[in-house]
Amino acid sequence: QVKLAESGGGSVQAGGSLRLSCSMSEDTDSDKCTGWFRQAPGKGREGIAAISNDGVVKRYHDSVKGRFTIGRDNGESMVYLQMSDLKLEDTALYYCASSTIWTKCLTPTGPRPGDFSVWGQGTQVTVSS
């Protein structure tokens, strides 16, 4: 199965930007849909963006639409999450995850955690005022 590793997290002031990266290795062909998720302290895991393996299908949670952009570079085996206009409520541990089923990218409101079977370790994003 594919292995995932997130990077790019950090501390930023509200209104700032960060770019998260998800590096894939080993069985990258098994990845058909990649999702970004986040979990804030005391809250459940929330799916915020997903992209199909060909980059054609993209979905976003309403909370990040217009502010976050998901993209991928298959040549580099990387999936990115460009985050702009960050808000205090974006503070969370961010994960990327992989599904072997591309239709898991079609959920209109963004990816569902239960649809993804392989997860990275996460990268922390902290937004301060």
Protein backbone atom coordinates (compact mmCIF):
# COMPACT_ATOMS: atom_id res chain seq x y z
CA GLN A 1 0.00 0.00 0.00
CA VAL A 2 1.02 3.62 -0.44
CA LYS A 3 2.79 5.43 2.37
CA LEU A 4 2.07 9.08 3.11
CA ALA A 5 4.04 11.80 4.87
CA GLU A 6 2.78 15.32 5.49
CA SER A 7 4.94 18.43 5.80
CA GLY A 8 4.61 22.19 5.71
CA GLY A 9 2.70 22.85 8.88
CA GLY A 10 3.64 25.63 11.26
CA SER A 11 2.47 28.74 13.04
CA VAL A 12 0.98 31.65 11.14
CA GLN A 13 -1.00 34.75 11.91
CA ALA A 14 -4.63 35.03 10.93
CA GLY A 15 -4.93 36.08 7.30
CA GLY A 16 -1.67 34.37 6.40
CA SER A 17 -0.94 31.43 4.14
CA LEU A 18 0.66 28.00 4.34
CA ARG A 19 1.25 25.22 1.85
CA LEU A 20 0.99 21.65 3.07
CA SER A 21 2.56 18.79 1.16
CA CYS A 22 1.73 15.09 1.17
CA SER A 23 4.56 12.96 -0.13
CA MET A 24 3.66 9.49 -1.40
CA SER A 25 5.92 6.49 -1.64
CA GLU A 26 5.84 2.75 -2.42
CA ASP A 27 2.59 1.59 -4.07
CA THR A 28 1.57 5.03 -5.40
CA ASP A 29 -0.53 3.48 -8.20
CA SER A 30 -2.99 2.25 -5.56
CA ASP A 31 -3.89 5.83 -4.71
CA LYS A 32 -7.04 6.78 -6.65
CA CYS A 33 -8.30 9.58 -4.45
CA THR A 34 -6.31 11.66 -1.96
CA GLY A 35 -7.94 13.64 0.79
CA TRP A 36 -6.88 16.27 3.29
CA PHE A 37 -8.42 16.11 6.74
CA ARG A 38 -7.99 17.98 9.98
CA GLN A 39 -8.69 17.41 13.63
CA ALA A 40 -8.86 20.17 16.19
CA PRO A 41 -8.50 19.43 19.91
CA GLY A 42 -11.67 17.91 21.29
CA LYS A 43 -13.28 17.58 17.86
CA GLY A 44 -13.75 14.83 15.35
CA ARG A 45 -11.76 14.41 12.16
CA GLU A 46 -13.09 16.61 9.34
CA GLY A 47 -12.57 16.11 5.62
CA ILE A 48 -11.71 19.39 3.91
CA ALA A 49 -10.51 18.63 0.38
CA ALA A 50 -10.08 15.73 -2.02
CA ILE A 51 -8.54 15.21 -5.44
CA SER A 52 -8.73 12.28 -7.83
CA ASN A 53 -5.55 10.62 -9.05
CA ASP A 54 -5.80 12.37 -12.43
CA GLY A 55 -6.38 15.74 -10.79
CA VAL A 56 -9.71 16.26 -12.57
CA VAL A 57 -12.11 15.80 -9.64
CA LYS A 58 -11.76 18.18 -6.70
CA ARG A 59 -14.09 18.68 -3.78
CA TYR A 60 -13.99 21.03 -0.82
CA HIS A 61 -15.76 21.37 2.50
CA ASP A 62 -17.76 24.58 2.69
CA SER A 63 -15.55 25.87 5.51
CA VAL A 64 -12.52 26.12 3.19
CA LYS A 65 -14.04 26.88 -0.20
CA GLY A 66 -12.44 29.90 -1.80
CA ARG A 67 -9.53 29.84 0.67
CA PHE A 68 -7.88 26.42 0.19
CA THR A 69 -6.75 24.83 -3.07
CA ILE A 70 -5.82 21.20 -3.53
CA GLY A 71 -3.45 20.09 -6.27
CA ARG A 72 -1.12 17.28 -7.18
CA ASP A 73 2.04 16.55 -9.09
CA ASN A 74 2.03 12.88 -9.95
CA GLY A 75 5.52 13.10 -11.38
CA GLU A 76 6.73 14.06 -7.92
CA SER A 77 4.20 11.82 -6.12
CA MET A 78 2.99 14.85 -4.18
CA VAL A 79 -0.38 16.26 -3.23
CA TYR A 80 -0.57 19.84 -2.00
CA LEU A 81 -2.97 21.95 0.01
CA GLN A 82 -2.50 25.68 -0.49
CA MET A 83 -4.16 27.48 2.40
CA SER A 84 -4.84 31.21 2.27
CA ASP A 85 -6.70 33.69 4.47
CA LEU A 86 -6.19 31.40 7.43
CA LYS A 87 -8.53 31.80 10.38
CA LEU A 88 -8.19 30.92 14.05
CA GLU A 89 -10.61 28.05 13.53
CA ASP A 90 -8.26 26.47 10.98
CA THR A 91 -5.95 25.49 13.84
CA ALA A 92 -5.72 21.70 13.81
CA LEU A 93 -3.61 18.66 13.06
CA TYR A 94 -3.77 18.15 9.30
CA TYR A 95 -3.62 14.71 7.68
CA CYS A 96 -3.54 13.42 4.14
CA ALA A 97 -5.10 10.07 3.36
CA SER A 98 -5.48 7.75 0.40
CA SER A 99 -8.32 5.69 -1.01
CA THR A 100 -8.04 2.99 -3.65
CA ILE A 101 -11.51 3.94 -4.96
CA TRP A 102 -11.66 7.10 -7.05
CA THR A 103 -15.37 7.63 -6.49
CA LYS A 104 -14.60 8.47 -2.87
CA CYS A 105 -13.56 11.83 -4.30
CA LEU A 106 -17.11 12.56 -5.47
CA THR A 107 -18.67 13.34 -2.08
CA PRO A 108 -20.04 16.87 -2.64
CA THR A 109 -19.28 18.14 0.84
CA GLY A 110 -15.71 16.90 0.90
CA PRO A 111 -14.08 13.57 1.78
CA ARG A 112 -15.36 11.34 4.56
CA PRO A 113 -12.74 9.88 6.90
CA GLY A 114 -14.28 6.41 6.82
CA ASP A 115 -13.74 6.20 3.05
CA PHE A 116 -9.93 6.40 3.35
CA SER A 117 -7.78 3.54 4.51
CA VAL A 118 -4.19 4.84 4.51
CA TRP A 119 -3.16 7.83 6.59
CA GLY A 120 -0.11 9.93 7.24
CA GLN A 121 1.06 11.02 10.68
CA GLY A 122 -0.18 14.58 10.40
CA THR A 123 1.30 18.07 10.49
CA GLN A 124 0.25 20.78 12.93
CA VAL A 125 -1.15 24.11 11.77
CA THR A 126 -1.58 26.83 14.36
CA VAL A 127 -3.21 30.14 13.49
CA SER A 128 -2.89 33.00 15.97
CA SER A 129 -4.38 36.47 16.16
